[in-house]
């Protein structure tokens, strides 16, 4: 993909100006809350285990659950690990997922 002097956001703003649509204030967008979801990973249980599950049951995670996914809008934005900080569960960000579009997109 070729690089241009004008960013996609600039192109969008200029196209909105040309059409008379209002331009979104970047400061307003920066203040919008973004809901994040933490995905630990799948756990497989048998149908009988599921049927007999009760409060207090413990599900053990596979080793593959070491790195959890942080998602926004259904898209993975980061990978992290679960840690304990002052007795509370927390995330340590390990990797920010590249947001550049791939050739497949």
PDB file of N, CA and C in Angstrom:
ATOM      1  N   UNK A   1       0.847  -1.175   0.000  1.00  0.00           N
ATOM      2  CA  UNK A   1       0.000   0.000   0.000  1.00  0.00           C
ATOM      3  C   UNK A   1       0.894   1.239   0.000  1.00  0.00           C
ATOM      4  N   UNK A   2       0.675   2.163  -0.913  1.00  0.00           N
ATOM      5  CA  UNK A   2       1.509   3.347  -1.047  1.00  0.00           C
ATOM      6  C   UNK A   2       1.191   4.358   0.041  1.00  0.00           C
ATOM      7  N   UNK A   3       2.230   5.033   0.527  1.00  0.00           N
ATOM      8  CA  UNK A   3       2.061   6.068   1.536  1.00  0.00           C
ATOM      9  C   UNK A   3       1.773   7.392   0.842  1.00  0.00           C
ATOM     10  N   UNK A   4       0.920   8.201   1.461  1.00  0.00           N
ATOM     11  CA  UNK A   4       0.646   9.519   0.928  1.00  0.00           C
ATOM     12  C   UNK A   4       0.934  10.540   2.014  1.00  0.00           C
ATOM     13  N   UNK A   5       0.970  11.805   1.613  1.00  0.00           N
ATOM     14  CA  UNK A   5       1.225  12.872   2.578  1.00  0.00           C
ATOM     15  C   UNK A   5       0.014  13.114   3.477  1.00  0.00           C
ATOM     16  N   UNK A   6      -1.157  12.763   3.012  1.00  0.00           N
ATOM     17  CA  UNK A   6      -2.380  13.039   3.749  1.00  0.00           C
ATOM     18  C   UNK A   6      -2.876  11.764   4.432  1.00  0.00           C
ATOM     19  N   UNK A   7      -3.145  11.843   5.741  1.00  0.00           N
ATOM     20  CA  UNK A   7      -3.609  10.661   6.473  1.00  0.00           C
ATOM     21  C   UNK A   7      -5.057  10.359   6.122  1.00  0.00           C
ATOM     22  N   UNK A   8      -5.488   9.152   6.483  1.00  0.00           N
ATOM     23  CA  UNK A   8      -6.878   8.757   6.231  1.00  0.00           C
ATOM     24  C   UNK A   8      -7.837   9.680   6.964  1.00  0.00           C
ATOM     25  N   UNK A   9      -7.474  10.052   8.192  1.00  0.00           N
ATOM     26  CA  UNK A   9      -8.332  10.944   8.972  1.00  0.00           C
ATOM     27  C   UNK A   9      -8.449  12.304   8.294  1.00  0.00           C
ATOM     28  N   UNK A  10      -7.320  12.818   7.775  1.00  0.00           N
ATOM     29  CA  UNK A  10      -7.352  14.100   7.068  1.00  0.00           C
ATOM     30  C   UNK A  10      -8.228  14.016   5.826  1.00  0.00           C
ATOM     31  N   UNK A  11      -8.126  12.907   5.095  1.00  0.00           N
ATOM     32  CA  UNK A  11      -8.949  12.718   3.900  1.00  0.00           C
ATOM     33  C   UNK A  11     -10.425  12.685   4.265  1.00  0.00           C
ATOM     34  N   UNK A  12     -10.753  11.993   5.365  1.00  0.00           N
ATOM     35  CA  UNK A  12     -12.142  11.915   5.805  1.00  0.00           C
ATOM     36  C   UNK A  12     -12.654  13.295   6.184  1.00  0.00           C
ATOM     37  N   UNK A  13     -11.832  14.049   6.946  1.00  0.00           N
ATOM     38  CA  UNK A  13     -12.237  15.396   7.338  1.00  0.00           C
ATOM     39  C   UNK A  13     -12.456  16.291   6.131  1.00  0.00           C
ATOM     40  N   UNK A  14     -11.538  16.237   5.157  1.00  0.00           N
ATOM     41  CA  UNK A  14     -11.688  17.100   3.987  1.00  0.00           C
ATOM     42  C   UNK A  14     -12.887  16.678   3.152  1.00  0.00           C
ATOM     43  N   UNK A  15     -13.165  15.362   3.071  1.00  0.00           N
ATOM     44  CA  UNK A  15     -14.329  14.925   2.302  1.00  0.00           C
ATOM     45  C   UNK A  15     -15.614  15.342   2.998  1.00  0.00           C
ATOM     46  N   UNK A  16     -15.615  15.375   4.320  1.00  0.00           N
ATOM     47  CA  UNK A  16     -16.804  15.842   5.053  1.00  0.00           C
ATOM     48  C   UNK A  16     -17.016  17.329   4.834  1.00  0.00           C
ATOM     49  N   UNK A  17     -15.917  18.080   4.834  1.00  0.00           N
ATOM     50  CA  UNK A  17     -16.038  19.508   4.583  1.00  0.00           C
ATOM     51  C   UNK A  17     -16.625  19.760   3.196  1.00  0.00           C
ATOM     52  N   UNK A  18     -16.205  18.980   2.214  1.00  0.00           N
ATOM     53  CA  UNK A  18     -16.694  19.143   0.848  1.00  0.00           C
ATOM     54  C   UNK A  18     -18.174  18.811   0.738  1.00  0.00           C
ATOM     55  N   UNK A  19     -18.646  17.853   1.532  1.00  0.00           N
ATOM     56  CA  UNK A  19     -20.045  17.449   1.452  1.00  0.00           C
ATOM     57  C   UNK A  19     -20.937  18.224   2.416  1.00  0.00           C
ATOM     58  N   UNK A  20     -20.331  19.051   3.263  1.00  0.00           N
ATOM     59  CA  UNK A  20     -21.121  19.815   4.221  1.00  0.00           C
ATOM     60  C   UNK A  20     -21.415  19.064   5.506  1.00  0.00           C
ATOM     61  N   UNK A  21     -20.883  17.847   5.645  1.00  0.00           N
ATOM     62  CA  UNK A  21     -21.076  17.103   6.889  1.00  0.00           C
ATOM     63  C   UNK A  21     -20.180  17.681   7.973  1.00  0.00           C
ATOM     64  N   UNK A  22     -20.624  17.642   9.230  1.00  0.00           N
ATOM     65  CA  UNK A  22     -19.787  18.197  10.298  1.00  0.00           C
ATOM     66  C   UNK A  22     -18.518  17.358  10.502  1.00  0.00           C
ATOM     67  N   UNK A  23     -17.455  18.036  10.879  1.00  0.00           N
ATOM     68  CA  UNK A  23     -16.185  17.381  11.165  1.00  0.00           C
ATOM     69  C   UNK A  23     -16.162  17.044  12.646  1.00  0.00           C
ATOM     70  N   UNK A  24     -15.790  15.807  12.986  1.00  0.00           N
ATOM     71  CA  UNK A  24     -15.751  15.363  14.375  1.00  0.00           C
ATOM     72  C   UNK A  24     -14.516  15.947  15.047  1.00  0.00           C
ATOM     73  N   UNK A  25     -14.726  16.513  16.241  1.00  0.00           N
ATOM     74  CA  UNK A  25     -13.637  17.071  17.028  1.00  0.00           C
ATOM     75  C   UNK A  25     -12.798  15.937  17.597  1.00  0.00           C
ATOM     76  N   UNK A  26     -11.504  15.890  17.270  1.00  0.00           N
ATOM     77  CA  UNK A  26     -10.613  14.815  17.717  1.00  0.00           C
ATOM     78  C   UNK A  26     -10.548  14.752  19.237  1.00  0.00           C
ATOM     79  N   UNK A  27     -10.620  15.885  19.922  1.00  0.00           N
ATOM     80  CA  UNK A  27     -10.583  15.892  21.394  1.00  0.00           C
ATOM     81  C   UNK A  27     -11.812  15.190  21.960  1.00  0.00           C
ATOM     82  N   UNK A  28     -12.955  15.358  21.318  1.00  0.00           N
ATOM     83  CA  UNK A  28     -14.170  14.678  21.747  1.00  0.00           C
ATOM     84  C   UNK A  28     -14.022  13.175  21.587  1.00  0.00           C
ATOM     85  N   UNK A  29     -13.491  12.749  20.465  1.00  0.00           N
ATOM     86  CA  UNK A  29     -13.292  11.325  20.204  1.00  0.00           C
ATOM     87  C   UNK A  29     -12.325  10.732  21.229  1.00  0.00           C
ATOM     88  N   UNK A  30     -11.261  11.463  21.564  1.00  0.00           N
ATOM     89  CA  UNK A  30     -10.281  10.978  22.537  1.00  0.00           C
ATOM     90  C   UNK A  30     -10.887  10.734  23.908  1.00  0.00           C
ATOM     91  N   UNK A  31     -11.976  11.422  24.239  1.00  0.00           N
ATOM     92  CA  UNK A  31     -12.606  11.276  25.563  1.00  0.00           C
ATOM     93  C   UNK A  31     -13.682  10.198  25.602  1.00  0.00           C
ATOM     94  N   UNK A  32     -14.025   9.615  24.469  1.00  0.00           N
ATOM     95  CA  UNK A  32     -15.058   8.583  24.439  1.00  0.00           C
ATOM     96  C   UNK A  32     -14.583   7.333  25.176  1.00  0.00           C
ATOM     97  N   UNK A  33     -15.427   6.776  26.034  1.00  0.00           N
ATOM     98  CA  UNK A  33     -15.024   5.540  26.716  1.00  0.00           C
ATOM     99  C   UNK A  33     -15.026   4.361  25.742  1.00  0.00           C
ATOM    100  N   UNK A  34     -14.058   3.498  25.915  1.00  0.00           N
ATOM    101  CA  UNK A  34     -13.950   2.302  25.079  1.00  0.00           C
ATOM    102  C   UNK A  34     -14.052   1.098  26.003  1.00  0.00           C
ATOM    103  N   UNK A  35     -15.069   0.270  25.785  1.00  0.00           N
ATOM    104  CA  UNK A  35     -15.234  -0.939  26.591  1.00  0.00           C
ATOM    105  C   UNK A  35     -14.250  -2.008  26.152  1.00  0.00           C
ATOM    106  N   UNK A  36     -13.521  -2.552  27.103  1.00  0.00           N
ATOM    107  CA  UNK A  36     -12.560  -3.615  26.820  1.00  0.00           C
ATOM    108  C   UNK A  36     -13.054  -4.918  27.426  1.00  0.00           C
ATOM    109  N   UNK A  37     -12.737  -6.004  26.770  1.00  0.00           N
ATOM    110  CA  UNK A  37     -13.104  -7.330  27.255  1.00  0.00           C
ATOM    111  C   UNK A  37     -11.831  -8.163  27.339  1.00  0.00           C
ATOM    112  N   UNK A  38     -11.720  -8.936  28.411  1.00  0.00           N
ATOM    113  CA  UNK A  38     -10.566  -9.809  28.600  1.00  0.00           C
ATOM    114  C   UNK A  38     -11.009 -11.235  28.312  1.00  0.00           C
ATOM    115  N   UNK A  39     -10.336 -11.866  27.376  1.00  0.00           N
ATOM    116  CA  UNK A  39     -10.647 -13.255  27.022  1.00  0.00           C
ATOM    117  C   UNK A  39      -9.509 -14.145  27.494  1.00  0.00           C
ATOM    118  N   UNK A  40      -9.835 -15.042  28.407  1.00  0.00           N
ATOM    119  CA  UNK A  40      -8.823 -15.928  28.950  1.00  0.00           C
ATOM    120  C   UNK A  40      -8.601 -17.117  28.033  1.00  0.00           C
ATOM    121  N   UNK A  41      -9.634 -17.666  27.480  1.00  0.00           N
ATOM    122  CA  UNK A  41      -9.483 -18.792  26.573  1.00  0.00           C
ATOM    123  C   UNK A  41     -10.526 -19.848  26.854  1.00  0.00           C
ATOM    124  N   UNK A  42     -10.658 -20.767  25.945  1.00  0.00           N
ATOM    125  CA  UNK A  42     -11.685 -21.793  26.090  1.00  0.00           C
ATOM    126  C   UNK A  42     -11.298 -22.853  27.119  1.00  0.00           C
ATOM    127  N   UNK A  43     -12.308 -23.407  27.725  1.00  0.00           N
ATOM    128  CA  UNK A  43     -12.149 -24.544  28.629  1.00  0.00           C
ATOM    129  C   UNK A  43     -13.132 -25.601  28.153  1.00  0.00           C
ATOM    130  N   UNK A  44     -12.666 -26.809  27.982  1.00  0.00           N
ATOM    131  CA  UNK A  44     -13.533 -27.885  27.522  1.00  0.00           C
ATOM    132  C   UNK A  44     -13.895 -28.781  28.691  1.00  0.00           C
ATOM    133  N   UNK A  45     -15.189 -29.000  28.845  1.00  0.00           N
ATOM    134  CA  UNK A  45     -15.680 -29.934  29.869  1.00  0.00           C
ATOM    135  C   UNK A  45     -16.649 -30.893  29.194  1.00  0.00           C
ATOM    136  N   UNK A  46     -16.860 -32.025  29.825  1.00  0.00           N
ATOM    137  CA  UNK A  46     -17.823 -32.980  29.267  1.00  0.00           C
ATOM    138  C   UNK A  46     -19.233 -32.498  29.583  1.00  0.00           C
ATOM    139  N   UNK A  47     -20.201 -33.032  28.867  1.00  0.00           N
ATOM    140  CA  UNK A  47     -21.598 -32.672  29.098  1.00  0.00           C
ATOM    141  C   UNK A  47     -22.014 -33.030  30.528  1.00  0.00           C
ATOM    142  N   UNK A  48     -21.522 -34.149  31.038  1.00  0.00           N
ATOM    143  CA  UNK A  48     -21.893 -34.540  32.406  1.00  0.00           C
ATOM    144  C   UNK A  48     -21.273 -33.604  33.434  1.00  0.00           C
ATOM    145  N   UNK A  49     -20.036 -33.134  33.182  1.00  0.00           N
ATOM    146  CA  UNK A  49     -19.420 -32.158  34.088  1.00  0.00           C
ATOM    147  C   UNK A  49     -20.196 -30.851  34.087  1.00  0.00           C
ATOM    148  N   UNK A  50     -20.625 -30.434  32.914  1.00  0.00           N
ATOM    149  CA  UNK A  50     -21.411 -29.208  32.803  1.00  0.00           C
ATOM    150  C   UNK A  50     -22.738 -29.344  33.525  1.00  0.00           C
ATOM    151  N   UNK A  51     -23.390 -30.509  33.370  1.00  0.00           N
ATOM    152  CA  UNK A  51     -24.698 -30.738  33.993  1.00  0.00           C
ATOM    153  C   UNK A  51     -24.607 -30.756  35.518  1.00  0.00           C
ATOM    154  N   UNK A  52     -23.462 -31.171  36.060  1.00  0.00           N
ATOM    155  CA  UNK A  52     -23.331 -31.259  37.520  1.00  0.00           C
ATOM    156  C   UNK A  52     -22.584 -30.062  38.115  1.00  0.00           C
ATOM    157  N   UNK A  53     -22.245 -29.076  37.299  1.00  0.00           N
ATOM    158  CA  UNK A  53     -21.512 -27.910  37.784  1.00  0.00           C
ATOM    159  C   UNK A  53     -22.377 -27.123  38.765  1.00  0.00           C
ATOM    160  N   UNK A  54     -21.746 -26.652  39.829  1.00  0.00           N
ATOM    161  CA  UNK A  54     -22.454 -25.888  40.863  1.00  0.00           C
ATOM    162  C   UNK A  54     -21.544 -24.772  41.352  1.00  0.00           C
ATOM    163  N   UNK A  55     -22.105 -23.799  42.055  1.00  0.00           N
ATOM    164  CA  UNK A  55     -21.254 -22.747  42.623  1.00  0.00           C
ATOM    165  C   UNK A  55     -20.127 -23.363  43.454  1.00  0.00           C
ATOM    166  N   UNK A  56     -18.937 -22.844  43.273  1.00  0.00           N
ATOM    167  CA  UNK A  56     -17.769 -23.370  43.968  1.00  0.00           C
ATOM    168  C   UNK A  56     -16.942 -24.313  43.114  1.00  0.00           C
ATOM    169  N   UNK A  57     -17.491 -24.740  41.982  1.00  0.00           N
ATOM    170  CA  UNK A  57     -16.738 -25.626  41.080  1.00  0.00           C
ATOM    171  C   UNK A  57     -15.515 -24.883  40.564  1.00  0.00           C
ATOM    172  N   UNK A  58     -14.449 -25.596  40.356  1.00  0.00           N
ATOM    173  CA  UNK A  58     -13.208 -24.998  39.864  1.00  0.00           C
ATOM    174  C   UNK A  58     -12.882 -25.587  38.496  1.00  0.00           C
ATOM    175  N   UNK A  59     -12.640 -24.712  37.548  1.00  0.00           N
ATOM    176  CA  UNK A  59     -12.243 -25.119  36.201  1.00  0.00           C
ATOM    177  C   UNK A  59     -10.777 -24.778  36.031  1.00  0.00           C
ATOM    178  N   UNK A  60      -9.978 -25.749  35.674  1.00  0.00           N
ATOM    179  CA  UNK A  60      -8.559 -25.486  35.442  1.00  0.00           C
ATOM    180  C   UNK A  60      -8.353 -25.100  33.985  1.00  0.00           C
ATOM    181  N   UNK A  61      -7.461 -24.153  33.787  1.00  0.00           N
ATOM    182  CA  UNK A  61      -7.184 -23.642  32.450  1.00  0.00           C
ATOM    183  C   UNK A  61      -6.025 -24.397  31.829  1.00  0.00           C
ATOM    184  N   UNK A  62      -6.057 -24.499  30.515  1.00  0.00           N
ATOM    185  CA  UNK A  62      -4.942 -25.083  29.780  1.00  0.00           C
ATOM    186  C   UNK A  62      -3.749 -24.136  29.875  1.00  0.00           C
ATOM    187  N   UNK A  63      -2.572 -24.659  29.611  1.00  0.00           N
ATOM    188  CA  UNK A  63      -1.373 -23.815  29.596  1.00  0.00           C
ATOM    189  C   UNK A  63      -1.486 -22.716  28.552  1.00  0.00           C
ATOM    190  N   UNK A  64      -2.278 -22.925  27.516  1.00  0.00           N
ATOM    191  CA  UNK A  64      -2.434 -21.928  26.457  1.00  0.00           C
ATOM    192  C   UNK A  64      -3.127 -20.670  26.961  1.00  0.00           C
ATOM    193  N   UNK A  65      -3.687 -20.714  28.166  1.00  0.00           N
ATOM    194  CA  UNK A  65      -4.367 -19.548  28.721  1.00  0.00           C
ATOM    195  C   UNK A  65      -3.394 -18.587  29.396  1.00  0.00           C
ATOM    196  N   UNK A  66      -2.092 -18.864  29.317  1.00  0.00           N
ATOM    197  CA  UNK A  66      -1.112 -17.959  29.922  1.00  0.00           C
ATOM    198  C   UNK A  66      -1.231 -16.550  29.349  1.00  0.00           C
ATOM    199  N   UNK A  67      -1.387 -16.421  28.050  1.00  0.00           N
ATOM    200  CA  UNK A  67      -1.539 -15.113  27.424  1.00  0.00           C
ATOM    201  C   UNK A  67      -3.016 -14.900  27.122  1.00  0.00           C
ATOM    202  N   UNK A  68      -3.582 -13.882  27.733  1.00  0.00           N
ATOM    203  CA  UNK A  68      -4.988 -13.579  27.506  1.00  0.00           C
ATOM    204  C   UNK A  68      -5.106 -12.516  26.422  1.00  0.00           C
ATOM    205  N   UNK A  69      -6.290 -12.398  25.843  1.00  0.00           N
ATOM    206  CA  UNK A  69      -6.526 -11.408  24.801  1.00  0.00           C
ATOM    207  C   UNK A  69      -7.356 -10.264  25.363  1.00  0.00           C
ATOM    208  N   UNK A  70      -6.981  -9.054  25.010  1.00  0.00           N
ATOM    209  CA  UNK A  70      -7.740  -7.864  25.353  1.00  0.00           C
ATOM    210  C   UNK A  70      -8.411  -7.409  24.070  1.00  0.00           C
ATOM    211  N   UNK A  71      -9.744  -7.303  24.087  1.00  0.00           N
ATOM    212  CA  UNK A  71     -10.466  -6.942  22.867  1.00  0.00           C
ATOM    213  C   UNK A  71     -11.258  -5.650  23.058  1.00  0.00           C
ATOM    214  N   UNK A  72     -11.479  -4.966  21.954  1.00  0.00           N
ATOM    215  CA  UNK A  72     -12.333  -3.777  21.903  1.00  0.00           C
ATOM    216  C   UNK A  72     -13.175  -3.906  20.647  1.00  0.00           C
ATOM    217  N   UNK A  73     -14.471  -3.838  20.793  1.00  0.00           N
ATOM    218  CA  UNK A  73     -15.351  -3.970  19.638  1.00  0.00           C
ATOM    219  C   UNK A  73     -15.214  -5.303  18.936  1.00  0.00           C
ATOM    220  N   UNK A  74     -14.868  -6.344  19.689  1.00  0.00           N
ATOM    221  CA  UNK A  74     -14.715  -7.670  19.113  1.00  0.00           C
ATOM    222  C   UNK A  74     -13.378  -7.919  18.438  1.00  0.00           C
ATOM    223  N   UNK A  75     -12.516  -6.908  18.395  1.00  0.00           N
ATOM    224  CA  UNK A  75     -11.202  -7.040  17.756  1.00  0.00           C
ATOM    225  C   UNK A  75     -10.115  -7.138  18.823  1.00  0.00           C
ATOM    226  N   UNK A  76      -9.186  -8.055  18.638  1.00  0.00           N
ATOM    227  CA  UNK A  76      -8.069  -8.181  19.575  1.00  0.00           C
ATOM    228  C   UNK A  76      -7.170  -6.966  19.420  1.00  0.00           C
ATOM    229  N   UNK A  77      -6.926  -6.255  20.531  1.00  0.00           N
ATOM    230  CA  UNK A  77      -6.071  -5.067  20.495  1.00  0.00           C
ATOM    231  C   UNK A  77      -4.756  -5.281  21.232  1.00  0.00           C
ATOM    232  N   UNK A  78      -4.722  -6.291  22.123  1.00  0.00           N
ATOM    233  CA  UNK A  78      -3.486  -6.556  22.869  1.00  0.00           C
ATOM    234  C   UNK A  78      -3.507  -7.971  23.421  1.00  0.00           C
ATOM    235  N   UNK A  79      -2.321  -8.452  23.758  1.00  0.00           N
ATOM    236  CA  UNK A  79      -2.167  -9.715  24.470  1.00  0.00           C
ATOM    237  C   UNK A  79      -1.547  -9.365  25.814  1.00  0.00           C
ATOM    238  N   UNK A  80      -1.971 -10.088  26.843  1.00  0.00           N
ATOM    239  CA  UNK A  80      -1.525  -9.756  28.192  1.00  0.00           C
ATOM    240  C   UNK A  80      -1.399 -11.019  29.026  1.00  0.00           C
ATOM    241  N   UNK A  81      -0.862 -10.868  30.225  1.00  0.00           N
ATOM    242  CA  UNK A  81      -0.815 -11.976  31.160  1.00  0.00           C
ATOM    243  C   UNK A  81      -1.507 -11.539  32.445  1.00  0.00           C
ATOM    244  N   UNK A  82      -2.131 -12.504  33.100  1.00  0.00           N
ATOM    245  CA  UNK A  82      -2.779 -12.235  34.378  1.00  0.00           C
ATOM    246  C   UNK A  82      -1.715 -12.177  35.462  1.00  0.00           C
ATOM    247  N   UNK A  83      -1.786 -11.146  36.303  1.00  0.00           N
ATOM    248  CA  UNK A  83      -0.869 -11.016  37.427  1.00  0.00           C
ATOM    249  C   UNK A  83      -1.659 -10.575  38.653  1.00  0.00           C
ATOM    250  N   UNK A  84      -1.039 -10.618  39.793  1.00  0.00           N
ATOM    251  CA  UNK A  84      -1.650 -10.138  41.030  1.00  0.00           C
ATOM    252  C   UNK A  84      -0.908  -8.891  41.475  1.00  0.00           C
ATOM    253  N   UNK A  85      -1.655  -7.826  41.767  1.00  0.00           N
ATOM    254  CA  UNK A  85      -1.077  -6.579  42.244  1.00  0.00           C
ATOM    255  C   UNK A  85      -1.817  -6.185  43.514  1.00  0.00           C
ATOM    256  N   UNK A  86      -1.109  -6.170  44.618  1.00  0.00           N
ATOM    257  CA  UNK A  86      -1.707  -5.815  45.916  1.00  0.00           C
ATOM    258  C   UNK A  86      -2.965  -6.625  46.202  1.00  0.00           C
ATOM    259  N   UNK A  87      -2.910  -7.915  45.901  1.00  0.00           N
ATOM    260  CA  UNK A  87      -4.031  -8.798  46.181  1.00  0.00           C
ATOM    261  C   UNK A  87      -5.170  -8.717  45.180  1.00  0.00           C
ATOM    262  N   UNK A  88      -5.000  -7.954  44.110  1.00  0.00           N
ATOM    263  CA  UNK A  88      -6.047  -7.816  43.090  1.00  0.00           C
ATOM    264  C   UNK A  88      -5.557  -8.383  41.768  1.00  0.00           C
ATOM    265  N   UNK A  89      -6.479  -8.931  41.006  1.00  0.00           N
ATOM    266  CA  UNK A  89      -6.164  -9.460  39.688  1.00  0.00           C
ATOM    267  C   UNK A  89      -5.938  -8.297  38.733  1.00  0.00           C
ATOM    268  N   UNK A  90      -4.880  -8.382  37.926  1.00  0.00           N
ATOM    269  CA  UNK A  90      -4.534  -7.308  36.997  1.00  0.00           C
ATOM    270  C   UNK A  90      -3.981  -7.918  35.714  1.00  0.00           C
ATOM    271  N   UNK A  91      -3.761  -7.070  34.725  1.00  0.00           N
ATOM    272  CA  UNK A  91      -3.185  -7.487  33.445  1.00  0.00           C
ATOM    273  C   UNK A  91      -1.877  -6.768  33.210  1.00  0.00           C
ATOM    274  N   UNK A  92      -0.893  -7.492  32.717  1.00  0.00           N
ATOM    275  CA  UNK A  92       0.344  -6.886  32.232  1.00  0.00           C
ATOM    276  C   UNK A  92       0.320  -7.037  30.719  1.00  0.00           C
ATOM    277  N   UNK A  93       0.347  -5.918  30.012  1.00  0.00           N
ATOM    278  CA  UNK A  93       0.310  -5.939  28.557  1.00  0.00           C
ATOM    279  C   UNK A  93       1.634  -6.481  28.035  1.00  0.00           C
ATOM    280  N   UNK A  94       1.557  -7.507  27.198  1.00  0.00           N
ATOM    281  CA  UNK A  94       2.738  -8.124  26.605  1.00  0.00           C
ATOM    282  C   UNK A  94       2.978  -7.643  25.179  1.00  0.00           C
ATOM    283  N   UNK A  95       1.874  -7.398  24.462  1.00  0.00           N
ATOM    284  CA  UNK A  95       1.991  -7.049  23.039  1.00  0.00           C
ATOM    285  C   UNK A  95       0.776  -6.243  22.629  1.00  0.00           C
ATOM    286  N   UNK A  96       1.001  -5.184  21.885  1.00  0.00           N
ATOM    287  CA  UNK A  96      -0.078  -4.441  21.251  1.00  0.00           C
ATOM    288  C   UNK A  96      -0.220  -5.022  19.857  1.00  0.00           C
ATOM    289  N   UNK A  97      -1.429  -5.401  19.497  1.00  0.00           N
ATOM    290  CA  UNK A  97      -1.658  -6.023  18.195  1.00  0.00           C
ATOM    291  C   UNK A  97      -1.600  -4.949  17.121  1.00  0.00           C
ATOM    292  N   UNK A  98      -0.857  -5.235  16.050  1.00  0.00           N
ATOM    293  CA  UNK A  98      -0.691  -4.312  14.940  1.00  0.00           C
ATOM    294  C   UNK A  98      -2.043  -3.997  14.323  1.00  0.00           C
ATOM    295  N   UNK A  99      -2.328  -2.714  14.198  1.00  0.00           N
ATOM    296  CA  UNK A  99      -3.626  -2.312  13.632  1.00  0.00           C
ATOM    297  C   UNK A  99      -3.544  -2.035  12.145  1.00  0.00           C
ATOM    298  N   UNK A 100      -2.382  -2.213  11.560  1.00  0.00           N
ATOM    299  CA  UNK A 100      -2.242  -1.996  10.121  1.00  0.00           C
ATOM    300  C   UNK A 100      -3.026  -3.060   9.368  1.00  0.00           C
ATOM    301  N   UNK A 101      -3.787  -2.666   8.347  1.00  0.00           N
ATOM    302  CA  UNK A 101      -4.517  -3.674   7.571  1.00  0.00           C
ATOM    303  C   UNK A 101      -3.558  -4.589   6.842  1.00  0.00           C
ATOM    304  N   UNK A 102      -3.965  -5.848   6.723  1.00  0.00           N
ATOM    305  CA  UNK A 102      -3.155  -6.804   5.990  1.00  0.00           C
ATOM    306  C   UNK A 102      -3.577  -6.799   4.538  1.00  0.00           C
ATOM    307  N   UNK A 103      -2.826  -7.470   3.683  1.00  0.00           N
ATOM    308  CA  UNK A 103      -3.169  -7.549   2.273  1.00  0.00           C
ATOM    309  C   UNK A 103      -4.470  -8.285   2.059  1.00  0.00           C
ATOM    310  N   UNK A 104      -4.855  -9.155   3.032  1.00  0.00           N
ATOM    311  CA  UNK A 104      -6.080  -9.937   2.902  1.00  0.00           C
ATOM    312  C   UNK A 104      -7.306  -9.081   3.140  1.00  0.00           C
ATOM    313  N   UNK A 105      -7.162  -7.931   3.837  1.00  0.00           N
ATOM    314  CA  UNK A 105      -8.323  -7.102   4.177  1.00  0.00           C
ATOM    315  C   UNK A 105      -8.689  -6.171   3.057  1.00  0.00           C
TER     316      UNK A 105
END
